[in-house]
Amino acid sequence: MTTVAERVLPARLGNPFRWLLASSWTSNFGDGVAIAAGPLLVAALTDDAFLISMAALLRWLPPLLFGLHAGVLSDRHDRRRIIIVADGSRVVVLAALVAALAFDQLTAAGALVALGLLATAEVYADNTGSTLAPMLVHRDDLPLANARMQFGFLTLNQLAGPPLGAFLFAVGYAWPFVGQAFLVFAGVLLVARVRLPAATPREASPALRDIREGLAWTVRHPAVRTLVLTILIFNVTFGAAWAVLVIYATEQLGMGPTGFGLLSTVSAVGGLLGTGLYGWITARVSLGNVMRIGLIIETLTHLALALTTTPWVAMPVFFVFGAHAFIWGTTSVTVRQRAVPTELQGRVSSVNTIGVFGGLVVGSAIGGTLATHWGVSAPFWFAFAGSAVFLVLLWPQLTRIAHA
């Protein structure tokens, strides 16, 4: 009889991937704790609205500034070592932050510097981490491997981490960062156990040349180019709508200050359903059709949220959207990993990261502007219209993308 462990993490994925998975889950748990604790710390140290808003900006800015360079490093050097150094640097920053709190020497500016350094190091660790699975498991097993990685992100980073971080912060300002330091350090020890296959050494070349090579490869490859463009456009529409989600929950749905948290939780629970069904779905539906159906769901999500003023309608919509977001995200990572050569994984992944965060930043600005002039539902109407138009234009290409 097949054991539960074999079903969850089959032996064919190999021990190196199991160490990688354990490291990813552990580090993601620590980062989830910081999601709530970081902004709370800045707000506790100052009542300056601009400084408080900077805590959010520092989560978005480092991937845009350093993503391409992180891709160059991960294609040029030992990938396991990059993760160890990047996450080890985060442990050092966290130790300094805890010490400053312990001696009551931390200012709001100091906290922002620490959060910025942590986010920057995380860019290098995350970009490089995304290149390891294709080196460790067979391409046919990448959907399963990525699903298991995403399960840890959903449960530990999105569901368990933030409330634990808020609770620990209430106990004492330093405690969530002590917990994060411990978990990230444990992740370093675990990833150090990973044994990667030997890689062909690359000749040293200027970083800008390496970046241009990654960009050029992405532009020349029709499937990956279209995939990155899809992510960019749909993150513009998503970012526009989700930028005003707090106001939407309180004003249009009338859910009060706890509404935003409840909607986020419902969406994360939907993601868990997507986790459970992912293997079953991909065994019966082609990846091209998975992507098509997912983008239809996302487009209709914006329409439903633009129309409804009832929480009991909105919450099932967020639940379904959460399942879609997990399934589509896992599929897009798998498609990219299958198509991109090993020596270009880091740089092409970094181009994808620029698309993700560039779309979110642009979308957030559009959403804020629309909501200011035409009301909180306007960003959702924009998201629906933009997604619908692009979906029609993209429709014939999705099957080609998934089978690249």
Protein backbone atom coordinates (compact mmCIF):
# COMPACT_ATOMS: atom_id res chain seq x y z
CA MET A 1 0.00 0.00 0.00
CA THR A 2 1.28 3.46 -0.94
CA THR A 3 2.12 5.46 2.16
CA VAL A 4 0.91 9.00 2.72
CA ALA A 5 4.51 10.25 2.57
CA GLU A 6 5.02 8.60 -0.81
CA ARG A 7 1.87 10.23 -2.15
CA VAL A 8 2.78 13.66 -0.84
CA LEU A 9 6.45 13.53 -1.75
CA PRO A 10 7.24 10.56 -4.03
CA ALA A 11 10.68 9.00 -3.77
CA ARG A 12 11.28 9.66 -7.47
CA LEU A 13 11.68 13.37 -6.66
CA GLY A 14 14.87 12.44 -4.81
CA ASN A 15 16.47 13.40 -1.51
CA PRO A 16 18.12 16.59 -2.84
CA PHE A 17 14.68 17.97 -3.73
CA ARG A 18 13.37 16.98 -0.31
CA TRP A 19 16.12 19.03 1.35
CA LEU A 20 15.31 21.93 -0.97
CA LEU A 21 11.62 21.66 -0.14
CA ALA A 22 12.31 21.60 3.60
CA SER A 23 14.52 24.68 3.26
CA SER A 24 11.89 26.52 1.19
CA TRP A 25 9.08 25.76 3.63
CA THR A 26 11.16 26.78 6.64
CA SER A 27 12.33 30.08 5.12
CA ASN A 28 8.84 30.88 3.85
CA PHE A 29 7.47 30.43 7.35
CA GLY A 30 10.00 32.94 8.67
CA ASP A 31 9.17 35.41 5.90
CA GLY A 32 5.47 35.00 6.64
CA VAL A 33 6.08 36.02 10.24
CA ALA A 34 7.76 39.20 8.97
CA ILE A 35 4.90 40.12 6.61
CA ALA A 36 2.87 41.37 9.57
CA ALA A 37 5.71 42.28 11.92
CA GLY A 38 7.63 44.60 9.58
CA PRO A 39 4.89 47.19 8.98
CA LEU A 40 3.77 46.91 12.61
CA LEU A 41 7.29 47.74 13.77
CA VAL A 42 7.54 50.88 11.65
CA ALA A 43 4.07 52.00 12.75
CA ALA A 44 5.07 51.47 16.38
CA LEU A 45 8.18 53.64 15.95
CA THR A 46 6.57 56.60 14.15
CA ASP A 47 3.21 58.14 13.33
CA ASP A 48 4.56 59.68 10.10
CA ALA A 49 2.30 58.35 7.32
CA PHE A 50 5.05 58.71 4.71
CA LEU A 51 7.51 56.58 6.68
CA ILE A 52 4.83 53.98 7.38
CA SER A 53 4.02 53.78 3.65
CA MET A 54 7.70 53.24 2.93
CA ALA A 55 7.50 49.86 4.68
CA ALA A 56 5.13 48.67 1.94
CA LEU A 57 7.20 50.25 -0.84
CA LEU A 58 10.31 48.43 0.35
CA ARG A 59 8.59 45.11 -0.34
CA TRP A 60 7.99 46.03 -4.00
CA LEU A 61 11.08 48.04 -4.94
CA PRO A 62 14.05 45.61 -4.47
CA PRO A 63 12.84 43.08 -7.09
CA LEU A 64 12.64 45.88 -9.65
CA LEU A 65 16.05 47.29 -8.74
CA PHE A 66 18.03 44.09 -8.23
CA GLY A 67 16.06 41.34 -10.00
CA LEU A 68 18.10 41.35 -13.21
CA HIS A 69 21.41 41.37 -11.33
CA ALA A 70 20.20 38.47 -9.18
CA GLY A 71 19.49 36.53 -12.37
CA VAL A 72 23.02 37.16 -13.64
CA LEU A 73 24.60 35.92 -10.42
CA SER A 74 22.49 32.77 -10.28
CA ASP A 75 23.53 31.82 -13.83
CA ARG A 76 27.19 32.67 -13.21
CA HIS A 77 27.95 31.17 -9.78
CA ASP A 78 27.18 28.22 -7.52
CA ARG A 79 23.43 28.54 -6.94
CA ARG A 80 23.35 26.78 -3.60
CA ARG A 81 26.10 29.05 -2.30
CA ILE A 82 24.20 32.16 -3.42
CA ILE A 83 21.19 31.11 -1.35
CA ILE A 84 23.37 30.34 1.66
CA VAL A 85 25.08 33.75 1.45
CA ALA A 86 21.85 35.70 0.79
CA ASP A 87 19.88 34.05 3.58
CA GLY A 88 22.90 34.10 5.88
CA SER A 89 23.08 37.87 5.31
CA ARG A 90 19.43 38.13 6.32
CA VAL A 91 20.20 36.34 9.58
CA VAL A 92 22.95 38.89 10.31
CA VAL A 93 20.61 41.83 9.57
CA LEU A 94 17.90 40.30 11.76
CA ALA A 95 20.39 39.82 14.60
CA ALA A 96 21.37 43.50 14.37
CA LEU A 97 17.69 44.50 14.33
CA VAL A 98 16.94 42.42 17.41
CA ALA A 99 19.97 43.85 19.22
CA ALA A 100 18.86 47.42 18.44
CA LEU A 101 15.39 46.63 19.78
CA ALA A 102 16.80 44.97 22.88
CA PHE A 103 18.85 48.07 23.72
CA ASP A 104 16.04 50.46 22.70
CA GLN A 105 18.23 52.03 20.01
CA LEU A 106 16.06 51.43 16.95
CA THR A 107 14.52 54.37 15.06
CA ALA A 108 11.92 54.25 12.29
CA ALA A 109 14.62 55.09 9.75
CA GLY A 110 16.80 52.27 11.07
CA ALA A 111 13.89 49.84 10.85
CA LEU A 112 13.26 50.85 7.23
CA VAL A 113 16.93 50.34 6.36
CA ALA A 114 16.81 46.87 7.91
CA LEU A 115 13.59 45.97 6.07
CA GLY A 116 15.10 47.18 2.79
CA LEU A 117 18.23 45.09 3.30
CA LEU A 118 16.15 42.03 4.16
CA ALA A 119 13.98 42.46 1.06
CA THR A 120 17.05 42.93 -1.16
CA ALA A 121 18.75 39.77 0.10
CA GLU A 122 15.47 37.90 -0.35
CA VAL A 123 15.46 38.87 -4.06
CA TYR A 124 18.74 37.01 -4.56
CA ALA A 125 17.66 34.00 -2.51
CA ASP A 126 14.24 33.67 -4.18
CA ASN A 127 15.46 34.18 -7.74
CA THR A 128 18.18 31.58 -7.30
CA GLY A 129 15.88 29.20 -5.44
CA SER A 130 13.50 29.12 -8.41
CA THR A 131 16.27 27.70 -10.61
CA LEU A 132 17.04 24.64 -8.47
CA ALA A 133 13.98 22.43 -9.03
CA PRO A 134 14.69 21.92 -12.78
CA MET A 135 18.20 20.80 -11.82
CA LEU A 136 16.95 18.23 -9.32
CA VAL A 137 13.79 16.62 -10.76
CA HIS A 138 12.75 15.29 -14.14
CA ARG A 139 10.84 17.75 -16.32
CA ASP A 140 7.73 15.53 -16.14
CA ASP A 141 7.77 15.88 -12.35
CA LEU A 142 8.11 19.68 -12.33
CA PRO A 143 4.33 20.28 -11.92
CA LEU A 144 4.32 18.11 -8.78
CA ALA A 145 7.55 19.61 -7.43
CA ASN A 146 6.33 23.18 -7.94
CA ALA A 147 2.96 22.34 -6.40
CA ARG A 148 4.68 21.10 -3.26
CA MET A 149 6.81 24.26 -3.11
CA GLN A 150 3.71 26.43 -3.48
CA PHE A 151 1.86 24.48 -0.80
CA GLY A 152 4.47 25.54 1.74
CA PHE A 153 4.27 29.14 0.55
CA LEU A 154 0.49 29.21 0.94
CA THR A 155 0.19 27.47 4.28
CA LEU A 156 3.26 28.88 6.02
CA ASN A 157 3.92 32.23 4.36
CA GLN A 158 0.35 33.35 3.71
CA LEU A 159 -1.78 31.60 6.34
CA ALA A 160 0.26 30.67 9.41
CA GLY A 161 3.08 33.24 9.32
CA PRO A 162 1.28 36.63 9.42
CA PRO A 163 -1.01 35.91 12.39
CA LEU A 164 1.90 34.38 14.30
CA GLY A 165 3.99 37.45 13.52
CA ALA A 166 1.25 39.76 14.79
CA PHE A 167 0.87 37.68 17.97
CA LEU A 168 4.61 37.64 18.67
CA PHE A 169 4.79 41.39 18.04
CA ALA A 170 2.10 41.91 20.68
CA VAL A 171 4.22 39.90 23.13
CA GLY A 172 7.33 41.97 22.37
CA TYR A 173 8.61 43.92 19.38
CA ALA A 174 11.72 41.77 18.99
CA TRP A 175 10.14 38.31 19.15
CA PRO A 176 8.86 37.96 15.56
CA PHE A 177 12.32 38.89 14.26
CA VAL A 178 13.95 36.38 16.61
CA GLY A 179 11.61 33.76 15.18
CA GLN A 180 12.33 34.81 11.60
CA ALA A 181 16.09 34.70 12.20
CA PHE A 182 15.83 31.19 13.65
CA LEU A 183 13.71 29.91 10.74
CA VAL A 184 15.83 31.51 8.02
CA PHE A 185 18.98 30.10 9.64
CA ALA A 186 17.36 26.66 9.72
CA GLY A 187 16.60 27.10 6.01
CA VAL A 188 20.29 27.80 5.38
CA LEU A 189 21.31 24.60 7.14
CA LEU A 190 18.77 22.60 5.14
CA VAL A 191 19.71 23.99 1.71
CA ALA A 192 23.36 23.28 2.54
CA ARG A 193 22.41 19.58 2.38
CA VAL A 194 21.32 19.88 -1.26
CA ARG A 195 23.72 18.34 -3.75
CA LEU A 196 23.40 19.88 -7.21
CA PRO A 197 24.56 18.20 -10.43
CA ALA A 198 27.83 19.50 -11.81
CA ALA A 199 27.39 22.62 -13.95
CA THR A 200 29.52 23.72 -16.88
CA PRO A 201 31.69 26.68 -15.79
CA ARG A 202 30.87 29.95 -17.54
CA GLU A 203 33.46 32.42 -18.66
CA ALA A 204 33.40 35.73 -16.82
CA SER A 205 31.67 38.48 -18.79
CA PRO A 206 30.29 41.94 -18.01
CA ALA A 207 27.00 41.85 -16.09
CA LEU A 208 25.25 44.06 -18.65
CA ARG A 209 26.16 41.60 -21.41
CA ASP A 210 24.68 38.74 -19.38
CA ILE A 211 21.51 40.76 -18.75
CA ARG A 212 21.18 41.54 -22.47
CA GLU A 213 21.62 37.85 -23.26
CA GLY A 214 18.78 36.91 -20.91
CA LEU A 215 16.51 39.63 -22.29
CA ALA A 216 17.34 38.72 -25.88
CA TRP A 217 16.64 35.03 -25.30
CA THR A 218 13.28 35.88 -23.73
CA VAL A 219 12.33 38.18 -26.62
CA ARG A 220 13.37 35.61 -29.26
CA HIS A 221 11.51 32.69 -27.66
CA PRO A 222 7.85 33.12 -28.69
CA ALA A 223 6.36 31.01 -25.90
CA VAL A 224 8.34 32.48 -23.00
CA ARG A 225 8.02 36.00 -24.43
CA THR A 226 4.23 35.65 -24.54
CA LEU A 227 4.19 34.13 -21.05
CA VAL A 228 6.13 37.07 -19.58
CA LEU A 229 3.90 39.53 -21.45
CA THR A 230 0.82 37.77 -20.09
CA ILE A 231 2.13 37.99 -16.54
CA LEU A 232 2.98 41.67 -16.99
CA ILE A 233 -0.45 42.65 -18.39
CA PHE A 234 -2.49 40.58 -15.97
CA ASN A 235 -0.49 41.92 -13.04
CA VAL A 236 -1.29 45.46 -14.19
CA THR A 237 -5.00 44.65 -14.08
CA PHE A 238 -4.65 42.62 -10.88
CA GLY A 239 -2.55 45.33 -9.22
CA ALA A 240 -5.10 48.02 -10.12
CA ALA A 241 -7.92 46.12 -8.43
CA TRP A 242 -6.02 44.74 -5.45
CA ALA A 243 -4.40 48.11 -4.66
CA VAL A 244 -7.76 49.34 -3.33
CA LEU A 245 -8.82 46.04 -1.77
CA VAL A 246 -8.74 47.42 1.78
CA ILE A 247 -11.08 50.27 0.79
CA TYR A 248 -13.21 47.90 -1.30
CA ALA A 249 -13.72 45.57 1.67
CA THR A 250 -14.75 48.40 4.00
CA GLU A 251 -16.71 50.70 1.66
CA GLN A 252 -18.26 48.55 -1.08
CA LEU A 253 -18.72 45.37 0.95
CA GLY A 254 -19.24 47.04 4.32
CA MET A 255 -17.13 44.42 6.11
CA GLY A 256 -15.37 46.77 8.52
CA PRO A 257 -11.65 46.82 9.36
CA THR A 258 -11.40 43.02 9.57
CA GLY A 259 -12.80 42.53 6.07
CA PHE A 260 -9.50 42.76 4.24
CA GLY A 261 -7.92 40.09 6.44
CA LEU A 262 -10.93 37.82 6.03
CA LEU A 263 -10.89 38.11 2.24
CA SER A 264 -7.15 37.35 2.18
CA THR A 265 -7.69 34.30 4.36
CA VAL A 266 -10.55 33.02 2.20
CA SER A 267 -8.34 33.42 -0.88
CA ALA A 268 -5.49 31.51 0.78
CA VAL A 269 -7.86 28.68 1.74
CA GLY A 270 -8.92 28.53 -1.92
CA GLY A 271 -5.24 28.17 -2.75
CA LEU A 272 -5.09 25.14 -0.48
CA LEU A 273 -7.93 23.58 -2.46
CA GLY A 274 -5.95 24.26 -5.62
CA THR A 275 -3.00 22.49 -3.99
CA GLY A 276 -5.06 19.40 -3.30
CA LEU A 277 -6.57 19.27 -6.78
CA TYR A 278 -3.53 20.27 -8.84
CA GLY A 279 -2.29 16.78 -9.61
CA TRP A 280 -5.79 15.56 -10.41
CA ILE A 281 -6.45 18.54 -12.70
CA THR A 282 -3.17 18.40 -14.63
CA ALA A 283 -3.61 14.64 -15.15
CA ARG A 284 -6.89 15.32 -16.96
CA VAL A 285 -6.54 18.78 -18.48
CA SER A 286 -3.71 20.00 -20.70
CA LEU A 287 -1.56 22.80 -19.33
CA GLY A 288 -2.69 25.02 -22.21
CA ASN A 289 -6.33 24.61 -21.23
CA VAL A 290 -5.45 25.07 -17.56
CA MET A 291 -4.00 28.46 -18.47
CA ARG A 292 -6.97 29.40 -20.65
CA ILE A 293 -9.53 28.48 -17.99
CA GLY A 294 -7.52 30.27 -15.30
CA LEU A 295 -7.38 33.55 -17.20
CA ILE A 296 -11.13 33.34 -17.85
CA ILE A 297 -11.66 32.90 -14.10
CA GLU A 298 -9.43 35.89 -13.34
CA THR A 299 -11.28 38.08 -15.85
CA LEU A 300 -14.69 37.09 -14.48
CA THR A 301 -13.42 37.63 -10.91
CA HIS A 302 -12.88 41.32 -11.65
CA LEU A 303 -16.36 41.58 -13.18
CA ALA A 304 -18.04 39.85 -10.23
CA LEU A 305 -16.26 42.05 -7.69
CA ALA A 306 -17.10 45.21 -9.65
CA LEU A 307 -20.80 44.30 -9.56
CA THR A 308 -21.31 42.91 -6.06
CA THR A 309 -21.82 44.79 -2.81
CA THR A 310 -22.51 41.66 -0.77
CA PRO A 311 -19.79 39.89 1.28
CA TRP A 312 -21.53 36.53 0.86
CA VAL A 313 -21.10 36.84 -2.91
CA ALA A 314 -17.58 38.28 -2.74
CA MET A 315 -16.15 35.60 -0.42
CA PRO A 316 -16.88 32.63 -2.73
CA VAL A 317 -15.39 34.67 -5.58
CA PHE A 318 -12.20 35.19 -3.56
CA PHE A 319 -12.15 31.49 -2.68
CA VAL A 320 -12.28 30.47 -6.36
CA PHE A 321 -9.75 33.15 -7.27
CA GLY A 322 -7.35 31.82 -4.63
CA ALA A 323 -7.53 28.34 -6.16
CA HIS A 324 -6.99 29.79 -9.63
CA ALA A 325 -4.02 31.92 -8.52
CA PHE A 326 -2.24 28.88 -7.11
CA ILE A 327 -2.99 26.63 -10.10
CA TRP A 328 -2.07 29.23 -12.73
CA GLY A 329 1.05 30.37 -10.88
CA THR A 330 2.34 26.82 -10.49
CA THR A 331 1.62 26.09 -14.16
CA SER A 332 3.41 29.21 -15.39
CA VAL A 333 6.53 28.39 -13.33
CA THR A 334 6.51 24.82 -14.69
CA VAL A 335 6.12 25.99 -18.29
CA ARG A 336 9.01 28.45 -17.95
CA GLN A 337 11.28 25.92 -16.27
CA ARG A 338 10.65 23.36 -19.01
CA ALA A 339 11.36 25.81 -21.82
CA VAL A 340 14.44 27.65 -20.51
CA PRO A 341 17.95 26.09 -20.70
CA THR A 342 19.59 25.50 -17.33
CA GLU A 343 22.31 28.09 -17.94
CA LEU A 344 19.68 30.81 -18.55
CA GLN A 345 17.19 29.91 -15.82
CA GLY A 346 18.29 32.68 -13.45
CA ARG A 347 18.26 35.51 -15.99
CA VAL A 348 14.96 34.54 -17.62
CA SER A 349 13.43 34.10 -14.16
CA SER A 350 14.60 37.60 -13.29
CA VAL A 351 12.96 39.00 -16.45
CA ASN A 352 9.77 37.29 -15.31
CA THR A 353 10.19 38.90 -11.86
CA ILE A 354 10.47 42.33 -13.45
CA GLY A 355 7.22 41.60 -15.29
CA VAL A 356 5.50 40.56 -12.06
CA PHE A 357 6.51 43.52 -9.93
CA GLY A 358 6.53 46.04 -12.76
CA GLY A 359 2.94 45.14 -13.51
CA LEU A 360 1.95 45.39 -9.85
CA VAL A 361 3.56 48.81 -9.40
CA VAL A 362 1.99 50.24 -12.57
CA GLY A 363 -1.36 48.67 -11.74
CA SER A 364 -1.31 50.03 -8.20
CA ALA A 365 -0.80 53.56 -9.51
CA ILE A 366 -3.64 53.14 -12.02
CA GLY A 367 -5.96 51.65 -9.40
CA GLY A 368 -5.33 54.45 -6.93
CA THR A 369 -5.97 57.11 -9.58
CA LEU A 370 -9.17 55.48 -10.82
CA ALA A 371 -10.54 55.01 -7.30
CA THR A 372 -9.79 58.64 -6.42
CA HIS A 373 -11.70 60.04 -9.40
CA TRP A 374 -14.42 57.46 -10.13
CA GLY A 375 -14.94 55.40 -6.99
CA VAL A 376 -13.70 52.16 -5.50
CA SER A 377 -15.35 49.93 -8.12
CA ALA A 378 -13.60 51.71 -11.05
CA PRO A 379 -10.32 49.75 -10.73
CA PHE A 380 -12.28 46.47 -10.92
CA TRP A 381 -14.05 47.61 -14.11
CA PHE A 382 -10.67 48.58 -15.56
CA ALA A 383 -9.26 45.18 -14.56
CA PHE A 384 -12.18 43.36 -16.18
CA ALA A 385 -12.01 45.31 -19.44
CA GLY A 386 -8.22 45.10 -19.74
CA SER A 387 -8.14 41.38 -18.92
CA ALA A 388 -10.95 40.62 -21.37
CA VAL A 389 -9.29 42.45 -24.26
CA PHE A 390 -5.90 40.87 -23.67
CA LEU A 391 -7.42 37.41 -23.20
CA VAL A 392 -9.07 37.62 -26.62
CA LEU A 393 -5.78 38.67 -28.22
CA LEU A 394 -3.78 36.00 -26.38
CA TRP A 395 -6.21 33.09 -26.68
CA PRO A 396 -4.63 31.28 -29.69
CA GLN A 397 -1.15 31.41 -28.14
CA LEU A 398 -1.84 29.78 -24.77
CA THR A 399 -1.68 26.19 -25.94
CA ARG A 400 1.65 26.86 -27.68
CA ILE A 401 3.00 28.43 -24.48
CA ALA A 402 2.10 25.43 -22.34
CA HIS A 403 3.66 22.90 -24.69
CA ALA A 404 6.89 24.80 -25.39
